[in-house]
Amino acid sequence: GPQLVIARDPAGRPNIELINDPRNVAEGLPLLLDNPAAVGETFHLMAPHAFAYDTFVAHLAKLTGWPVVEVTVSWTLHLDFSIAKARAVLGYQPSRDIFQMVDDGWRAVQEGR
């Protein structure tokens, strides 16, 4: 059957990444339109925080009941973006992280949507 994989580098660090829910972007875009301070500026309309894949995979395992396998790889990804500027200038408050995205999707599948 299916298995979930946690990849760690030789020091034991998992991948760290920031994956965004498009609903966060949809909530953030109107903040740009009505704010003169946004003109000519660049903002990251991203999820509220990055996540570690070991925590994410553990969450998936709870939902699915699938076993988890750990492997060691030569390197892991560490990717994060700051949304501090969007928070400070626009009042951006993203409401969904990776866990909310997965929970919403899992619930929809379970309900047959």
PDB file of N, CA and C in Angstrom:
ATOM      1  N   GLY A   1       0.808  -1.195   0.000  1.00  0.00           N
ATOM      2  CA  GLY A   1       0.000   0.000   0.000  1.00  0.00           C
ATOM      3  C   GLY A   1       0.846   1.251   0.000  1.00  0.00           C
ATOM      4  N   PRO A   2       0.203   2.376  -0.009  1.00  0.00           N
ATOM      5  CA  PRO A   2       0.935   3.648  -0.015  1.00  0.00           C
ATOM      6  C   PRO A   2       1.710   3.871   1.279  1.00  0.00           C
ATOM      7  N   GLN A   3       2.820   4.555   1.142  1.00  0.00           N
ATOM      8  CA  GLN A   3       3.626   4.960   2.284  1.00  0.00           C
ATOM      9  C   GLN A   3       3.962   6.435   2.142  1.00  0.00           C
ATOM     10  N   LEU A   4       4.120   7.082   3.271  1.00  0.00           N
ATOM     11  CA  LEU A   4       4.558   8.477   3.298  1.00  0.00           C
ATOM     12  C   LEU A   4       6.043   8.496   3.637  1.00  0.00           C
ATOM     13  N   VAL A   5       6.774   9.422   3.040  1.00  0.00           N
ATOM     14  CA  VAL A   5       8.224   9.465   3.214  1.00  0.00           C
ATOM     15  C   VAL A   5       8.638  10.779   3.863  1.00  0.00           C
ATOM     16  N   ILE A   6       9.461  10.660   4.879  1.00  0.00           N
ATOM     17  CA  ILE A   6      10.128  11.822   5.469  1.00  0.00           C
ATOM     18  C   ILE A   6      11.592  11.724   5.065  1.00  0.00           C
ATOM     19  N   ALA A   7      12.050  12.697   4.310  1.00  0.00           N
ATOM     20  CA  ALA A   7      13.452  12.755   3.896  1.00  0.00           C
ATOM     21  C   ALA A   7      14.188  13.715   4.827  1.00  0.00           C
ATOM     22  N   ARG A   8      15.322  13.263   5.320  1.00  0.00           N
ATOM     23  CA  ARG A   8      16.162  14.093   6.192  1.00  0.00           C
ATOM     24  C   ARG A   8      17.578  14.121   5.625  1.00  0.00           C
ATOM     25  N   ASP A   9      18.252  15.248   5.848  1.00  0.00           N
ATOM     26  CA  ASP A   9      19.651  15.322   5.435  1.00  0.00           C
ATOM     27  C   ASP A   9      20.510  14.571   6.461  1.00  0.00           C
ATOM     28  N   PRO A  10      21.809  14.429   6.224  1.00  0.00           N
ATOM     29  CA  PRO A  10      22.646  13.680   7.167  1.00  0.00           C
ATOM     30  C   PRO A  10      22.635  14.231   8.596  1.00  0.00           C
ATOM     31  N   ALA A  11      22.310  15.501   8.771  1.00  0.00           N
ATOM     32  CA  ALA A  11      22.215  16.086  10.117  1.00  0.00           C
ATOM     33  C   ALA A  11      20.834  15.871  10.735  1.00  0.00           C
ATOM     34  N   GLY A  12      19.922  15.223   9.999  1.00  0.00           N
ATOM     35  CA  GLY A  12      18.588  14.941  10.527  1.00  0.00           C
ATOM     36  C   GLY A  12      17.547  16.002  10.238  1.00  0.00           C
ATOM     37  N   ARG A  13      17.901  17.004   9.433  1.00  0.00           N
ATOM     38  CA  ARG A  13      16.958  18.089   9.136  1.00  0.00           C
ATOM     39  C   ARG A  13      16.025  17.706   7.988  1.00  0.00           C
ATOM     40  N   PRO A  14      14.718  17.909   8.173  1.00  0.00           N
ATOM     41  CA  PRO A  14      13.772  17.640   7.088  1.00  0.00           C
ATOM     42  C   PRO A  14      13.697  18.837   6.142  1.00  0.00           C
ATOM     43  N   ASN A  15      13.030  18.646   5.027  1.00  0.00           N
ATOM     44  CA  ASN A  15      12.727  19.773   4.147  1.00  0.00           C
ATOM     45  C   ASN A  15      11.875  20.780   4.904  1.00  0.00           C
ATOM     46  N   ILE A  16      12.115  22.048   4.636  1.00  0.00           N
ATOM     47  CA  ILE A  16      11.287  23.129   5.169  1.00  0.00           C
ATOM     48  C   ILE A  16      10.848  23.954   3.973  1.00  0.00           C
ATOM     49  N   GLU A  17       9.565  24.195   3.889  1.00  0.00           N
ATOM     50  CA  GLU A  17       9.042  24.866   2.707  1.00  0.00           C
ATOM     51  C   GLU A  17       7.846  25.722   3.079  1.00  0.00           C
ATOM     52  N   LEU A  18       7.541  26.642   2.196  1.00  0.00           N
ATOM     53  CA  LEU A  18       6.371  27.499   2.352  1.00  0.00           C
ATOM     54  C   LEU A  18       5.487  27.282   1.133  1.00  0.00           C
ATOM     55  N   ILE A  19       4.384  26.598   1.327  1.00  0.00           N
ATOM     56  CA  ILE A  19       3.422  26.363   0.253  1.00  0.00           C
ATOM     57  C   ILE A  19       2.183  27.176   0.582  1.00  0.00           C
ATOM     58  N   ASN A  20       1.696  27.882  -0.410  1.00  0.00           N
ATOM     59  CA  ASN A  20       0.595  28.808  -0.168  1.00  0.00           C
ATOM     60  C   ASN A  20      -0.732  28.251  -0.649  1.00  0.00           C
ATOM     61  N   ASP A  21      -1.768  28.640   0.042  1.00  0.00           N
ATOM     62  CA  ASP A  21      -3.137  28.357  -0.368  1.00  0.00           C
ATOM     63  C   ASP A  21      -3.590  29.526  -1.237  1.00  0.00           C
ATOM     64  N   PRO A  22      -4.112  29.276  -2.428  1.00  0.00           N
ATOM     65  CA  PRO A  22      -4.540  30.388  -3.282  1.00  0.00           C
ATOM     66  C   PRO A  22      -5.604  31.269  -2.638  1.00  0.00           C
ATOM     67  N   ARG A  23      -6.307  30.731  -1.660  1.00  0.00           N
ATOM     68  CA  ARG A  23      -7.306  31.552  -0.962  1.00  0.00           C
ATOM     69  C   ARG A  23      -6.632  32.669  -0.167  1.00  0.00           C
ATOM     70  N   ASN A  24      -5.394  32.451   0.289  1.00  0.00           N
ATOM     71  CA  ASN A  24      -4.651  33.528   0.952  1.00  0.00           C
ATOM     72  C   ASN A  24      -4.387  34.670  -0.023  1.00  0.00           C
ATOM     73  N   VAL A  25      -3.994  34.328  -1.242  1.00  0.00           N
ATOM     74  CA  VAL A  25      -3.740  35.352  -2.261  1.00  0.00           C
ATOM     75  C   VAL A  25      -5.031  36.109  -2.556  1.00  0.00           C
ATOM     76  N   ALA A  26      -6.127  35.377  -2.689  1.00  0.00           N
ATOM     77  CA  ALA A  26      -7.422  36.019  -2.964  1.00  0.00           C
ATOM     78  C   ALA A  26      -7.810  36.981  -1.845  1.00  0.00           C
ATOM     79  N   GLU A  27      -7.464  36.650  -0.609  1.00  0.00           N
ATOM     80  CA  GLU A  27      -7.746  37.554   0.513  1.00  0.00           C
ATOM     81  C   GLU A  27      -6.806  38.758   0.503  1.00  0.00           C
ATOM     82  N   GLY A  28      -5.576  38.566   0.016  1.00  0.00           N
ATOM     83  CA  GLY A  28      -4.586  39.635   0.052  1.00  0.00           C
ATOM     84  C   GLY A  28      -4.676  40.631  -1.085  1.00  0.00           C
ATOM     85  N   LEU A  29      -5.113  40.200  -2.244  1.00  0.00           N
ATOM     86  CA  LEU A  29      -5.147  41.101  -3.405  1.00  0.00           C
ATOM     87  C   LEU A  29      -5.986  42.359  -3.191  1.00  0.00           C
ATOM     88  N   PRO A  30      -7.168  42.285  -2.597  1.00  0.00           N
ATOM     89  CA  PRO A  30      -7.924  43.527  -2.370  1.00  0.00           C
ATOM     90  C   PRO A  30      -7.180  44.532  -1.486  1.00  0.00           C
ATOM     91  N   LEU A  31      -6.305  44.045  -0.611  1.00  0.00           N
ATOM     92  CA  LEU A  31      -5.536  44.949   0.249  1.00  0.00           C
ATOM     93  C   LEU A  31      -4.568  45.799  -0.572  1.00  0.00           C
ATOM     94  N   LEU A  32      -4.128  45.272  -1.694  1.00  0.00           N
ATOM     95  CA  LEU A  32      -3.223  46.017  -2.576  1.00  0.00           C
ATOM     96  C   LEU A  32      -3.949  47.124  -3.332  1.00  0.00           C
ATOM     97  N   LEU A  33      -5.179  46.853  -3.708  1.00  0.00           N
ATOM     98  CA  LEU A  33      -5.912  47.757  -4.597  1.00  0.00           C
ATOM     99  C   LEU A  33      -6.279  49.086  -3.957  1.00  0.00           C
ATOM    100  N   ASP A  34      -6.548  49.081  -2.685  1.00  0.00           N
ATOM    101  CA  ASP A  34      -7.025  50.293  -2.016  1.00  0.00           C
ATOM    102  C   ASP A  34      -5.969  50.955  -1.138  1.00  0.00           C
ATOM    103  N   ASN A  35      -4.703  50.601  -1.320  1.00  0.00           N
ATOM    104  CA  ASN A  35      -3.666  51.106  -0.437  1.00  0.00           C
ATOM    105  C   ASN A  35      -2.600  51.854  -1.244  1.00  0.00           C
ATOM    106  N   PRO A  36      -2.558  53.185  -1.132  1.00  0.00           N
ATOM    107  CA  PRO A  36      -1.553  53.961  -1.867  1.00  0.00           C
ATOM    108  C   PRO A  36      -0.118  53.545  -1.539  1.00  0.00           C
ATOM    109  N   ALA A  37       0.121  53.039  -0.336  1.00  0.00           N
ATOM    110  CA  ALA A  37       1.471  52.615   0.047  1.00  0.00           C
ATOM    111  C   ALA A  37       1.923  51.377  -0.725  1.00  0.00           C
ATOM    112  N   ALA A  38       0.993  50.690  -1.385  1.00  0.00           N
ATOM    113  CA  ALA A  38       1.330  49.481  -2.139  1.00  0.00           C
ATOM    114  C   ALA A  38       1.835  49.781  -3.547  1.00  0.00           C
ATOM    115  N   VAL A  39       1.603  50.993  -4.032  1.00  0.00           N
ATOM    116  CA  VAL A  39       1.978  51.343  -5.405  1.00  0.00           C
ATOM    117  C   VAL A  39       3.497  51.238  -5.576  1.00  0.00           C
ATOM    118  N   GLY A  40       3.916  50.480  -6.572  1.00  0.00           N
ATOM    119  CA  GLY A  40       5.332  50.317  -6.868  1.00  0.00           C
ATOM    120  C   GLY A  40       6.077  49.372  -5.947  1.00  0.00           C
ATOM    121  N   GLU A  41       5.392  48.763  -5.019  1.00  0.00           N
ATOM    122  CA  GLU A  41       6.025  47.869  -4.047  1.00  0.00           C
ATOM    123  C   GLU A  41       5.780  46.407  -4.415  1.00  0.00           C
ATOM    124  N   THR A  42       6.568  45.539  -3.823  1.00  0.00           N
ATOM    125  CA  THR A  42       6.426  44.095  -3.994  1.00  0.00           C
ATOM    126  C   THR A  42       6.105  43.476  -2.643  1.00  0.00           C
ATOM    127  N   PHE A  43       5.143  42.578  -2.631  1.00  0.00           N
ATOM    128  CA  PHE A  43       4.731  41.921  -1.391  1.00  0.00           C
ATOM    129  C   PHE A  43       4.629  40.418  -1.612  1.00  0.00           C
ATOM    130  N   HIS A  44       4.981  39.664  -0.591  1.00  0.00           N
ATOM    131  CA  HIS A  44       4.773  38.218  -0.604  1.00  0.00           C
ATOM    132  C   HIS A  44       3.427  37.941   0.056  1.00  0.00           C
ATOM    133  N   LEU A  45       2.450  37.531  -0.731  1.00  0.00           N
ATOM    134  CA  LEU A  45       1.147  37.138  -0.190  1.00  0.00           C
ATOM    135  C   LEU A  45       1.171  35.622  -0.045  1.00  0.00           C
ATOM    136  N   MET A  46       1.821  35.182   1.003  1.00  0.00           N
ATOM    137  CA  MET A  46       2.077  33.758   1.212  1.00  0.00           C
ATOM    138  C   MET A  46       1.349  33.252   2.455  1.00  0.00           C
ATOM    139  N   ALA A  47       1.553  31.984   2.737  1.00  0.00           N
ATOM    140  CA  ALA A  47       1.009  31.360   3.943  1.00  0.00           C
ATOM    141  C   ALA A  47       1.626  32.020   5.177  1.00  0.00           C
ATOM    142  N   PRO A  48       1.009  31.835   6.340  1.00  0.00           N
ATOM    143  CA  PRO A  48       1.501  32.515   7.539  1.00  0.00           C
ATOM    144  C   PRO A  48       2.885  32.062   8.002  1.00  0.00           C
ATOM    145  N   HIS A  49       3.299  30.848   7.655  1.00  0.00           N
ATOM    146  CA  HIS A  49       4.602  30.357   8.105  1.00  0.00           C
ATOM    147  C   HIS A  49       5.027  29.156   7.268  1.00  0.00           C
ATOM    148  N   ALA A  50       6.319  28.912   7.266  1.00  0.00           N
ATOM    149  CA  ALA A  50       6.851  27.718   6.613  1.00  0.00           C
ATOM    150  C   ALA A  50       6.541  26.508   7.493  1.00  0.00           C
ATOM    151  N   PHE A  51       6.719  25.334   6.930  1.00  0.00           N
ATOM    152  CA  PHE A  51       6.473  24.112   7.694  1.00  0.00           C
ATOM    153  C   PHE A  51       7.592  23.118   7.426  1.00  0.00           C
ATOM    154  N   ALA A  52       7.830  22.258   8.390  1.00  0.00           N
ATOM    155  CA  ALA A  52       8.794  21.175   8.235  1.00  0.00           C
ATOM    156  C   ALA A  52       8.050  19.941   7.740  1.00  0.00           C
ATOM    157  N   TYR A  53       8.637  19.265   6.774  1.00  0.00           N
ATOM    158  CA  TYR A  53       7.972  18.117   6.169  1.00  0.00           C
ATOM    159  C   TYR A  53       7.744  16.972   7.149  1.00  0.00           C
ATOM    160  N   ASP A  54       8.584  16.831   8.173  1.00  0.00           N
ATOM    161  CA  ASP A  54       8.327  15.746   9.117  1.00  0.00           C
ATOM    162  C   ASP A  54       7.011  15.968   9.856  1.00  0.00           C
ATOM    163  N   THR A  55       6.731  17.205  10.216  1.00  0.00           N
ATOM    164  CA  THR A  55       5.463  17.535  10.872  1.00  0.00           C
ATOM    165  C   THR A  55       4.299  17.375   9.905  1.00  0.00           C
ATOM    166  N   PHE A  56       4.501  17.803   8.671  1.00  0.00           N
ATOM    167  CA  PHE A  56       3.469  17.689   7.646  1.00  0.00           C
ATOM    168  C   PHE A  56       3.137  16.222   7.358  1.00  0.00           C
ATOM    169  N   VAL A  57       4.169  15.401   7.192  1.00  0.00           N
ATOM    170  CA  VAL A  57       3.944  13.982   6.908  1.00  0.00           C
ATOM    171  C   VAL A  57       3.258  13.305   8.090  1.00  0.00           C
ATOM    172  N   ALA A  58       3.631  13.658   9.303  1.00  0.00           N
ATOM    173  CA  ALA A  58       2.952  13.093  10.479  1.00  0.00           C
ATOM    174  C   ALA A  58       1.468  13.450  10.456  1.00  0.00           C
ATOM    175  N   HIS A  59       1.150  14.657  10.041  1.00  0.00           N
ATOM    176  CA  HIS A  59      -0.251  15.088   9.932  1.00  0.00           C
ATOM    177  C   HIS A  59      -0.977  14.259   8.872  1.00  0.00           C
ATOM    178  N   LEU A  60      -0.347  14.072   7.715  1.00  0.00           N
ATOM    179  CA  LEU A  60      -0.946  13.248   6.664  1.00  0.00           C
ATOM    180  C   LEU A  60      -1.158  11.815   7.142  1.00  0.00           C
ATOM    181  N   ALA A  61      -0.205  11.292   7.891  1.00  0.00           N
ATOM    182  CA  ALA A  61      -0.323   9.919   8.393  1.00  0.00           C
ATOM    183  C   ALA A  61      -1.521   9.774   9.326  1.00  0.00           C
ATOM    184  N   LYS A  62      -1.769  10.782  10.149  1.00  0.00           N
ATOM    185  CA  LYS A  62      -2.945  10.744  11.035  1.00  0.00           C
ATOM    186  C   LYS A  62      -4.234  10.717  10.226  1.00  0.00           C
ATOM    187  N   LEU A  63      -4.286  11.508   9.155  1.00  0.00           N
ATOM    188  CA  LEU A  63      -5.493  11.562   8.329  1.00  0.00           C
ATOM    189  C   LEU A  63      -5.718  10.270   7.554  1.00  0.00           C
ATOM    190  N   THR A  64      -4.656   9.747   6.972  1.00  0.00           N
ATOM    191  CA  THR A  64      -4.794   8.634   6.033  1.00  0.00           C
ATOM    192  C   THR A  64      -4.609   7.260   6.655  1.00  0.00           C
ATOM    193  N   GLY A  65      -3.887   7.208   7.765  1.00  0.00           N
ATOM    194  CA  GLY A  65      -3.543   5.915   8.347  1.00  0.00           C
ATOM    195  C   GLY A  65      -2.378   5.233   7.642  1.00  0.00           C
ATOM    196  N   TRP A  66      -1.745   5.924   6.694  1.00  0.00           N
ATOM    197  CA  TRP A  66      -0.635   5.342   5.946  1.00  0.00           C
ATOM    198  C   TRP A  66       0.631   5.336   6.802  1.00  0.00           C
ATOM    199  N   PRO A  67       1.466   4.338   6.647  1.00  0.00           N
ATOM    200  CA  PRO A  67       2.714   4.283   7.412  1.00  0.00           C
ATOM    201  C   PRO A  67       3.723   5.318   6.904  1.00  0.00           C
ATOM    202  N   VAL A  68       4.647   5.647   7.784  1.00  0.00           N
ATOM    203  CA  VAL A  68       5.691   6.626   7.471  1.00  0.00           C
ATOM    204  C   VAL A  68       7.040   5.916   7.413  1.00  0.00           C
ATOM    205  N   VAL A  69       7.804   6.224   6.381  1.00  0.00           N
ATOM    206  CA  VAL A  69       9.157   5.710   6.217  1.00  0.00           C
ATOM    207  C   VAL A  69      10.101   6.908   6.228  1.00  0.00           C
ATOM    208  N   GLU A  70      11.203   6.788   6.961  1.00  0.00           N
ATOM    209  CA  GLU A  70      12.198   7.860   6.973  1.00  0.00           C
ATOM    210  C   GLU A  70      13.409   7.436   6.157  1.00  0.00           C
ATOM    211  N   VAL A  71      13.923   8.374   5.372  1.00  0.00           N
ATOM    212  CA  VAL A  71      15.118   8.123   4.567  1.00  0.00           C
ATOM    213  C   VAL A  71      16.097   9.276   4.762  1.00  0.00           C
ATOM    214  N   THR A  72      17.359   8.990   4.543  1.00  0.00           N
ATOM    215  CA  THR A  72      18.386  10.029   4.582  1.00  0.00           C
ATOM    216  C   THR A  72      18.779  10.354   3.148  1.00  0.00           C
ATOM    217  N   VAL A  73      18.802  11.641   2.852  1.00  0.00           N
ATOM    218  CA  VAL A  73      19.188  12.133   1.530  1.00  0.00           C
ATOM    219  C   VAL A  73      20.386  13.064   1.692  1.00  0.00           C
ATOM    220  N   SER A  74      21.032  13.413   0.600  1.00  0.00           N
ATOM    221  CA  SER A  74      22.254  14.218   0.695  1.00  0.00           C
ATOM    222  C   SER A  74      22.002  15.651   1.152  1.00  0.00           C
ATOM    223  N   TRP A  75      20.825  16.210   0.821  1.00  0.00           N
ATOM    224  CA  TRP A  75      20.498  17.575   1.247  1.00  0.00           C
ATOM    225  C   TRP A  75      18.986  17.728   1.289  1.00  0.00           C
ATOM    226  N   THR A  76      18.542  18.719   2.013  1.00  0.00           N
ATOM    227  CA  THR A  76      17.115  19.026   2.074  1.00  0.00           C
ATOM    228  C   THR A  76      16.903  20.496   1.738  1.00  0.00           C
ATOM    229  N   LEU A  77      15.722  20.782   1.279  1.00  0.00           N
ATOM    230  CA  LEU A  77      15.337  22.132   0.886  1.00  0.00           C
ATOM    231  C   LEU A  77      14.933  22.944   2.114  1.00  0.00           C
ATOM    232  N   HIS A  78      15.386  24.174   2.172  1.00  0.00           N
ATOM    233  CA  HIS A  78      14.976  25.095   3.233  1.00  0.00           C
ATOM    234  C   HIS A  78      14.528  26.379   2.547  1.00  0.00           C
ATOM    235  N   LEU A  79      13.219  26.519   2.370  1.00  0.00           N
ATOM    236  CA  LEU A  79      12.650  27.617   1.594  1.00  0.00           C
ATOM    237  C   LEU A  79      11.604  28.348   2.422  1.00  0.00           C
ATOM    238  N   ASP A  80      11.797  29.634   2.573  1.00  0.00           N
ATOM    239  CA  ASP A  80      10.848  30.443   3.338  1.00  0.00           C
ATOM    240  C   ASP A  80      10.848  31.852   2.748  1.00  0.00           C
ATOM    241  N   PHE A  81       9.728  32.525   2.864  1.00  0.00           N
ATOM    242  CA  PHE A  81       9.595  33.915   2.437  1.00  0.00           C
ATOM    243  C   PHE A  81       9.038  34.713   3.603  1.00  0.00           C
ATOM    244  N   SER A  82       9.496  35.924   3.749  1.00  0.00           N
ATOM    245  CA  SER A  82       8.961  36.786   4.798  1.00  0.00           C
ATOM    246  C   SER A  82       7.703  37.496   4.300  1.00  0.00           C
ATOM    247  N   ILE A  83       6.672  37.464   5.121  1.00  0.00           N
ATOM    248  CA  ILE A  83       5.464  38.226   4.811  1.00  0.00           C
ATOM    249  C   ILE A  83       5.331  39.425   5.752  1.00  0.00           C
ATOM    250  N   ALA A  84       6.430  39.757   6.440  1.00  0.00           N
ATOM    251  CA  ALA A  84       6.397  40.859   7.406  1.00  0.00           C
ATOM    252  C   ALA A  84       5.984  42.175   6.752  1.00  0.00           C
ATOM    253  N   LYS A  85       6.487  42.448   5.555  1.00  0.00           N
ATOM    254  CA  LYS A  85       6.144  43.697   4.871  1.00  0.00           C
ATOM    255  C   LYS A  85       4.653  43.732   4.534  1.00  0.00           C
ATOM    256  N   ALA A  86       4.112  42.633   4.033  1.00  0.00           N
ATOM    257  CA  ALA A  86       2.680  42.580   3.708  1.00  0.00           C
ATOM    258  C   ALA A  86       1.832  42.734   4.966  1.00  0.00           C
ATOM    259  N   ARG A  87       2.294  42.159   6.062  1.00  0.00           N
ATOM    260  CA  ARG A  87       1.562  42.309   7.333  1.00  0.00           C
ATOM    261  C   ARG A  87       1.579  43.771   7.786  1.00  0.00           C
ATOM    262  N   ALA A  88       2.769  44.380   7.749  1.00  0.00           N
ATOM    263  CA  ALA A  88       2.930  45.738   8.272  1.00  0.00           C
ATOM    264  C   ALA A  88       2.263  46.791   7.394  1.00  0.00           C
ATOM    265  N   VAL A  89       2.449  46.707   6.093  1.00  0.00           N
ATOM    266  CA  VAL A  89       1.953  47.750   5.188  1.00  0.00           C
ATOM    267  C   VAL A  89       0.493  47.538   4.809  1.00  0.00           C
ATOM    268  N   LEU A  90       0.131  46.299   4.544  1.00  0.00           N
ATOM    269  CA  LEU A  90      -1.212  46.009   4.036  1.00  0.00           C
ATOM    270  C   LEU A  90      -2.188  45.515   5.100  1.00  0.00           C
ATOM    271  N   GLY A  91      -1.658  45.092   6.233  1.00  0.00           N
ATOM    272  CA  GLY A  91      -2.521  44.447   7.219  1.00  0.00           C
ATOM    273  C   GLY A  91      -2.873  43.024   6.811  1.00  0.00           C
ATOM    274  N   TYR A  92      -2.037  42.419   5.970  1.00  0.00           N
ATOM    275  CA  TYR A  92      -2.264  41.063   5.465  1.00  0.00           C
ATOM    276  C   TYR A  92      -2.196  40.049   6.596  1.00  0.00           C
ATOM    277  N   GLN A  93      -3.234  39.253   6.720  1.00  0.00           N
ATOM    278  CA  GLN A  93      -3.306  38.212   7.742  1.00  0.00           C
ATOM    279  C   GLN A  93      -3.789  36.916   7.086  1.00  0.00           C
ATOM    280  N   PRO A  94      -2.884  36.146   6.489  1.00  0.00           N
ATOM    281  CA  PRO A  94      -3.314  34.921   5.818  1.00  0.00           C
ATOM    282  C   PRO A  94      -3.964  33.962   6.808  1.00  0.00           C
ATOM    283  N   SER A  95      -5.038  33.350   6.380  1.00  0.00           N
ATOM    284  CA  SER A  95      -5.811  32.518   7.303  1.00  0.00           C
ATOM    285  C   SER A  95      -5.550  31.029   7.147  1.00  0.00           C
ATOM    286  N   ARG A  96      -4.795  30.632   6.126  1.00  0.00           N
ATOM    287  CA  ARG A  96      -4.637  29.201   5.882  1.00  0.00           C
ATOM    288  C   ARG A  96      -3.169  28.813   5.721  1.00  0.00           C
ATOM    289  N   ASP A  97      -2.767  27.790   6.464  1.00  0.00           N
ATOM    290  CA  ASP A  97      -1.443  27.211   6.285  1.00  0.00           C
ATOM    291  C   ASP A  97      -1.600  25.857   5.594  1.00  0.00           C
ATOM    292  N   ILE A  98      -0.512  25.145   5.423  1.00  0.00           N
ATOM    293  CA  ILE A  98      -0.541  23.866   4.716  1.00  0.00           C
ATOM    294  C   ILE A  98      -1.476  22.872   5.399  1.00  0.00           C
ATOM    295  N   PHE A  99      -1.535  22.920   6.713  1.00  0.00           N
ATOM    296  CA  PHE A  99      -2.370  21.969   7.444  1.00  0.00           C
ATOM    297  C   PHE A  99      -3.853  22.239   7.201  1.00  0.00           C
ATOM    298  N   GLN A 100      -4.234  23.514   7.164  1.00  0.00           N
ATOM    299  CA  GLN A 100      -5.622  23.868   6.862  1.00  0.00           C
ATOM    300  C   GLN A 100      -5.975  23.470   5.439  1.00  0.00           C
ATOM    301  N   MET A 101      -5.041  23.685   4.510  1.00  0.00           N
ATOM    302  CA  MET A 101      -5.276  23.290   3.119  1.00  0.00           C
ATOM    303  C   MET A 101      -5.552  21.796   3.023  1.00  0.00           C
ATOM    304  N   VAL A 102      -4.701  20.996   3.651  1.00  0.00           N
ATOM    305  CA  VAL A 102      -4.855  19.540   3.593  1.00  0.00           C
ATOM    306  C   VAL A 102      -6.135  19.110   4.293  1.00  0.00           C
ATOM    307  N   ASP A 103      -6.404  19.683   5.449  1.00  0.00           N
ATOM    308  CA  ASP A 103      -7.629  19.321   6.172  1.00  0.00           C
ATOM    309  C   ASP A 103      -8.868  19.633   5.346  1.00  0.00           C
ATOM    310  N   ASP A 104      -8.893  20.801   4.710  1.00  0.00           N
ATOM    311  CA  ASP A 104     -10.040  21.170   3.872  1.00  0.00           C
ATOM    312  C   ASP A 104     -10.181  20.209   2.696  1.00  0.00           C
ATOM    313  N   GLY A 105      -9.066  19.886   2.052  1.00  0.00           N
ATOM    314  CA  GLY A 105      -9.102  18.960   0.924  1.00  0.00           C
ATOM    315  C   GLY A 105      -9.518  17.561   1.337  1.00  0.00           C
ATOM    316  N   TRP A 106      -8.987  17.096   2.461  1.00  0.00           N
ATOM    317  CA  TRP A 106      -9.335  15.760   2.957  1.00  0.00           C
ATOM    318  C   TRP A 106     -10.821  15.679   3.293  1.00  0.00           C
ATOM    319  N   ARG A 107     -11.320  16.716   3.935  1.00  0.00           N
ATOM    320  CA  ARG A 107     -12.745  16.753   4.288  1.00  0.00           C
ATOM    321  C   ARG A 107     -13.607  16.719   3.025  1.00  0.00           C
ATOM    322  N   ALA A 108     -13.215  17.461   2.009  1.00  0.00           N
ATOM    323  CA  ALA A 108     -13.971  17.478   0.756  1.00  0.00           C
ATOM    324  C   ALA A 108     -13.983  16.094   0.104  1.00  0.00           C
ATOM    325  N   VAL A 109     -12.849  15.411   0.126  1.00  0.00           N
ATOM    326  CA  VAL A 109     -12.783  14.060  -0.445  1.00  0.00           C
ATOM    327  C   VAL A 109     -13.678  13.110   0.345  1.00  0.00           C
ATOM    328  N   GLN A 110     -13.619  13.207   1.659  1.00  0.00           N
ATOM    329  CA  GLN A 110     -14.429  12.325   2.500  1.00  0.00           C
ATOM    330  C   GLN A 110     -15.921  12.563   2.305  1.00  0.00           C
ATOM    331  N   GLU A 111     -16.281  13.813   2.004  1.00  0.00           N
ATOM    332  CA  GLU A 111     -17.688  14.161   1.784  1.00  0.00           C
ATOM    333  C   GLU A 111     -18.114  13.930   0.340  1.00  0.00           C
ATOM    334  N   GLY A 112     -17.189  13.469  -0.501  1.00  0.00           N
ATOM    335  CA  GLY A 112     -17.511  13.190  -1.891  1.00  0.00           C
ATOM    336  C   GLY A 112     -17.636  14.413  -2.769  1.00  0.00           C
ATOM    337  N   ARG A 113     -17.030  15.513  -2.342  1.00  0.00           N
ATOM    338  CA  ARG A 113     -17.088  16.733  -3.162  1.00  0.00           C
ATOM    339  C   ARG A 113     -15.982  16.765  -4.174  1.00  0.00           C
TER     340      ARG A 113
END
